Amino acid sequence: MLFNYYSFSGARQGTERERGRLNVTYLRSALPKTYLALILLLLTIKLTAQDVAEPSYLPGRTDFKVGYFGNISSNNGLNLGAEYLWKEKIKIKEKRKGQKTIKRQLLLNGSLGYSTNFATRTQNGIFAYSGLTFRRVDTKSREIFVEFNPLGLYRSVLPKTYEVIANEVRSVSFPGRSYYAPSVAIGIGRFRKGIKRSGWYLNLQHTVLTNYNTGVLPIFSLHFGRKFNFSSK
């Protein structure tokens, strides 16, 4: 009995040490993703607060986006975003039919969304990304753009999950995994500056989930929706 008692005590202490190592490893791996989430949150807040911070200079330079996100066949969701016109270069050409105005713009963008599989209700996820948009607008306000989003985070949301610790079953709070998810997109749309319902957009986005089962997972998704501008003009 004495031998069994000390054996059990040693095993329990070993289990506690192993749990401590796992917790330290988890915290180390979670810190970069936490920093990334904080950066994305701050950038999104900065973009959405531009009009309030400097109303004399920035009205009309920030558009808000509301639209569909997904691949239609399985994952479908809602995307909320904002884009701020950072720099603009205007070139005017004289043509036989009149002047032709070409605008080349550089924008800051940020988006937050949620997607799910309505059929299985198992593929749920929250995503956030931020980056730069290069946009060309012609005389008729038609646009073509390319997005580069180096800051991206995808969080999978799992159904109710349990774990066993020291022979005790516990519920996991907010089960799921976080992935670094940079993306690139190309799209078209209509741009109407100074109008509250300022246009529409349609783009194809390629996202890469890194560290997904020791590899990467490419995801292609379709985005389309409307743009809004809340300036007083």
Protein backbone atom coordinates (compact mmCIF):
# COMPACT_ATOMS: atom_id res chain seq x y z
CA MET A 1 0.00 0.00 0.00
CA LEU A 2 2.86 2.39 0.81
CA PHE A 3 4.50 1.69 -2.54
CA ASN A 4 1.21 2.23 -4.34
CA TYR A 5 0.64 5.52 -2.52
CA TYR A 6 4.03 6.97 -3.48
CA SER A 7 3.65 5.70 -7.03
CA PHE A 8 0.31 7.44 -7.32
CA SER A 9 1.73 10.65 -5.81
CA GLY A 10 4.68 10.63 -8.21
CA ALA A 11 2.38 10.05 -11.18
CA ARG A 12 0.13 12.88 -10.06
CA GLN A 13 3.08 15.26 -9.70
CA GLY A 14 4.29 14.23 -13.16
CA THR A 15 0.84 14.95 -14.57
CA GLU A 16 0.80 18.40 -12.93
CA ARG A 17 4.25 19.22 -14.38
CA GLU A 18 3.14 18.06 -17.82
CA ARG A 19 0.01 20.21 -17.61
CA GLY A 20 2.21 23.18 -16.63
CA ARG A 21 4.42 22.64 -19.69
CA LEU A 22 1.38 22.37 -21.96
CA ASN A 23 -0.04 25.62 -20.55
CA VAL A 24 3.27 27.47 -21.14
CA THR A 25 3.50 26.09 -24.69
CA TYR A 26 -0.11 27.08 -25.39
CA LEU A 27 0.46 30.60 -24.08
CA ARG A 28 3.58 31.04 -26.21
CA SER A 29 1.77 29.89 -29.36
CA ALA A 30 -1.30 32.01 -28.59
CA LEU A 31 0.57 35.27 -27.97
CA PRO A 32 1.32 36.11 -31.68
CA LYS A 33 -2.32 35.46 -32.60
CA THR A 34 -3.45 37.65 -29.70
CA TYR A 35 -1.20 40.48 -30.86
CA LEU A 36 -2.52 40.07 -34.41
CA ALA A 37 -6.13 40.24 -33.19
CA LEU A 38 -5.37 43.42 -31.23
CA ILE A 39 -3.71 45.04 -34.27
CA LEU A 40 -6.70 44.18 -36.48
CA LEU A 41 -9.12 45.55 -33.87
CA LEU A 42 -7.18 48.82 -33.58
CA LEU A 43 -6.99 49.25 -37.36
CA THR A 44 -10.72 48.60 -37.75
CA ILE A 45 -11.54 51.09 -34.98
CA LYS A 46 -9.24 53.66 -36.62
CA LEU A 47 -10.93 53.23 -39.99
CA THR A 48 -14.47 53.44 -38.63
CA ALA A 49 -13.66 56.45 -36.42
CA GLN A 50 -12.03 58.63 -39.10
CA ASP A 51 -15.10 60.82 -39.73
CA VAL A 52 -15.65 61.52 -36.04
CA ALA A 53 -12.02 62.36 -35.31
CA GLU A 54 -11.49 64.92 -38.10
CA PRO A 55 -14.83 65.98 -39.58
CA SER A 56 -13.37 69.06 -41.32
CA TYR A 57 -11.03 66.98 -43.47
CA LEU A 58 -12.31 63.43 -43.79
CA PRO A 59 -16.06 63.47 -44.62
CA GLY A 60 -16.64 61.56 -47.81
CA ARG A 61 -13.30 59.75 -47.70
CA THR A 62 -14.57 56.73 -45.75
CA ASP A 63 -16.99 54.21 -47.26
CA PHE A 64 -18.62 51.37 -45.33
CA LYS A 65 -19.37 47.99 -46.90
CA VAL A 66 -22.10 45.46 -46.17
CA GLY A 67 -22.32 42.31 -48.21
CA TYR A 68 -22.27 38.57 -48.77
CA PHE A 69 -19.21 36.43 -48.20
CA GLY A 70 -18.76 32.74 -49.04
CA ASN A 71 -18.52 30.18 -51.81
CA ILE A 72 -22.30 29.75 -52.29
CA SER A 73 -22.20 25.92 -52.27
CA SER A 74 -21.24 25.45 -48.60
CA ASN A 75 -20.01 28.36 -46.49
CA ASN A 76 -22.11 31.54 -46.47
CA GLY A 77 -21.87 34.60 -44.30
CA LEU A 78 -22.02 38.35 -43.78
CA ASN A 79 -19.14 40.78 -44.20
CA LEU A 80 -18.91 44.27 -42.64
CA GLY A 81 -16.06 46.56 -43.61
CA ALA A 82 -14.71 50.03 -44.17
CA GLU A 83 -12.27 51.60 -46.61
CA TYR A 84 -10.54 54.93 -46.23
CA LEU A 85 -9.26 56.92 -49.22
CA TRP A 86 -5.64 57.58 -48.24
CA LYS A 87 -4.07 58.88 -51.45
CA GLU A 88 -5.44 59.84 -54.85
CA LYS A 89 -3.86 60.80 -58.18
CA ILE A 90 -6.07 62.32 -60.89
CA LYS A 91 -5.11 62.38 -64.56
CA ILE A 92 -7.19 64.25 -67.15
CA LYS A 93 -6.90 63.52 -70.86
CA GLU A 94 -8.44 65.48 -73.70
CA LYS A 95 -10.39 63.29 -76.11
CA ARG A 96 -12.59 63.97 -79.12
CA LYS A 97 -15.69 63.20 -77.07
CA GLY A 98 -14.54 65.39 -74.19
CA GLN A 99 -12.34 65.05 -71.16
CA LYS A 100 -11.42 61.65 -69.77
CA THR A 101 -10.67 61.54 -66.05
CA ILE A 102 -8.76 58.62 -64.56
CA LYS A 103 -8.33 58.32 -60.80
CA ARG A 104 -5.72 56.07 -59.22
CA GLN A 105 -6.36 55.60 -55.53
CA LEU A 106 -4.71 53.97 -52.55
CA LEU A 107 -7.05 52.96 -49.73
CA LEU A 108 -6.81 51.42 -46.28
CA ASN A 109 -9.35 48.67 -45.71
CA GLY A 110 -10.58 46.56 -42.83
CA SER A 111 -13.31 43.91 -42.57
CA LEU A 112 -14.99 41.69 -40.02
CA GLY A 113 -17.31 38.80 -40.83
CA TYR A 114 -18.93 35.52 -39.89
CA SER A 115 -19.63 32.48 -42.05
CA THR A 116 -21.38 29.15 -41.53
CA ASN A 117 -22.58 26.06 -43.36
CA PHE A 118 -26.36 26.15 -43.11
CA ALA A 119 -26.65 22.49 -44.16
CA THR A 120 -24.37 20.95 -41.51
CA ARG A 121 -24.01 23.90 -39.10
CA THR A 122 -20.51 22.70 -38.27
CA GLN A 123 -18.24 24.95 -40.37
CA ASN A 124 -18.58 28.15 -38.38
CA GLY A 125 -15.91 30.82 -38.35
CA ILE A 126 -15.11 34.46 -37.59
CA PHE A 127 -12.62 36.32 -39.74
CA ALA A 128 -10.96 39.73 -39.69
CA TYR A 129 -8.45 41.24 -42.08
CA SER A 130 -6.86 44.57 -42.95
CA GLY A 131 -4.60 45.85 -45.69
CA LEU A 132 -4.24 48.06 -48.75
CA THR A 133 -6.47 48.49 -51.81
CA PHE A 134 -5.23 49.80 -55.16
CA ARG A 135 -8.15 51.15 -57.20
CA ARG A 136 -8.59 52.65 -60.66
CA VAL A 137 -11.74 54.68 -61.37
CA ASP A 138 -12.66 55.84 -64.89
CA THR A 139 -14.79 58.76 -66.09
CA LYS A 140 -18.03 56.78 -65.68
CA SER A 141 -17.11 55.91 -62.07
CA ARG A 142 -16.45 52.27 -62.91
CA GLU A 143 -13.71 50.78 -60.82
CA ILE A 144 -11.29 47.87 -60.83
CA PHE A 145 -9.28 47.12 -57.72
CA VAL A 146 -6.75 44.79 -56.13
CA GLU A 147 -6.54 44.12 -52.39
CA PHE A 148 -3.55 42.93 -50.40
CA ASN A 149 -4.37 41.94 -46.83
CA PRO A 150 -1.24 40.81 -44.94
CA LEU A 151 -3.03 41.09 -41.60
CA GLY A 152 -5.64 38.36 -41.43
CA LEU A 153 -7.08 36.20 -38.66
CA TYR A 154 -9.56 33.33 -38.92
CA ARG A 155 -11.13 31.75 -35.84
CA SER A 156 -13.02 28.48 -36.24
CA VAL A 157 -15.97 28.09 -33.87
CA LEU A 158 -16.71 24.53 -32.77
CA PRO A 159 -19.91 23.21 -31.16
CA LYS A 160 -19.96 22.36 -27.46
CA THR A 161 -16.71 20.59 -26.64
CA TYR A 162 -15.43 18.79 -23.55
CA GLU A 163 -11.96 17.91 -22.26
CA VAL A 164 -10.74 15.44 -19.66
CA ILE A 165 -8.24 16.72 -17.07
CA ALA A 166 -7.16 14.48 -14.16
CA ASN A 167 -10.15 12.19 -14.70
CA GLU A 168 -12.48 15.19 -14.60
CA VAL A 169 -14.66 16.14 -17.57
CA ARG A 170 -14.85 19.90 -18.19
CA SER A 171 -16.56 22.06 -20.77
CA VAL A 172 -14.23 24.04 -23.08
CA SER A 173 -14.99 27.76 -23.24
CA PHE A 174 -15.10 29.17 -26.79
CA PRO A 175 -13.79 26.00 -28.48
CA GLY A 176 -12.00 26.34 -31.79
CA ARG A 177 -8.68 27.28 -33.36
CA SER A 178 -7.12 30.50 -34.62
CA TYR A 179 -5.20 30.74 -37.89
CA TYR A 180 -3.09 33.44 -39.49
CA ALA A 181 -4.97 34.10 -42.74
CA PRO A 182 -3.48 36.57 -45.25
CA SER A 183 -5.46 37.16 -48.42
CA VAL A 184 -5.47 38.80 -51.83
CA ALA A 185 -8.50 39.85 -53.90
CA ILE A 186 -9.37 41.31 -57.29
CA GLY A 187 -12.70 42.89 -58.15
CA ILE A 188 -14.86 45.42 -59.91
CA GLY A 189 -17.53 47.87 -58.84
CA ARG A 190 -19.10 51.29 -59.14
CA PHE A 191 -17.82 54.33 -57.29
CA ARG A 192 -19.97 57.42 -56.75
CA LYS A 193 -18.28 59.95 -54.50
CA GLY A 194 -20.52 62.26 -52.47
CA ILE A 195 -23.56 59.92 -52.57
CA LYS A 196 -24.64 58.13 -49.40
CA ARG A 197 -25.40 54.86 -51.20
CA SER A 198 -22.08 55.22 -52.96
CA GLY A 199 -22.00 52.07 -55.06
CA TRP A 200 -21.52 48.32 -55.23
CA TYR A 201 -18.62 45.88 -55.35
CA LEU A 202 -17.89 42.33 -56.53
CA ASN A 203 -14.60 40.55 -55.92
CA LEU A 204 -12.96 37.14 -55.74
CA GLN A 205 -10.74 36.57 -52.72
CA HIS A 206 -8.02 33.99 -52.13
CA THR A 207 -7.24 33.31 -48.46
CA VAL A 208 -4.62 30.98 -47.01
CA LEU A 209 -5.08 29.45 -43.55
CA THR A 210 -1.59 28.78 -42.19
CA ASN A 211 -0.62 26.12 -39.68
CA TYR A 212 -3.71 24.14 -40.68
CA ASN A 213 -3.01 20.51 -39.70
CA THR A 214 0.76 21.22 -40.08
CA GLY A 215 0.10 22.67 -43.54
CA VAL A 216 -1.88 25.38 -45.33
CA LEU A 217 -5.47 25.47 -46.53
CA PRO A 218 -6.34 27.67 -49.55
CA ILE A 219 -9.86 29.12 -49.60
CA PHE A 220 -11.55 30.88 -52.53
CA SER A 221 -14.56 33.05 -51.70
CA LEU A 222 -16.91 35.45 -53.43
CA HIS A 223 -17.73 38.88 -52.01
CA PHE A 224 -20.45 41.22 -53.22
CA GLY A 225 -22.51 43.96 -51.62
CA ARG A 226 -23.20 47.66 -51.27
CA LYS A 227 -21.14 50.64 -50.17
CA PHE A 228 -22.40 53.47 -47.99
CA ASN A 229 -21.06 56.90 -47.14
CA PHE A 230 -22.41 58.80 -44.13
CA SER A 231 -21.04 62.23 -44.98
CA SER A 232 -23.40 65.21 -44.90
CA LYS A 233 -22.76 66.02 -48.57
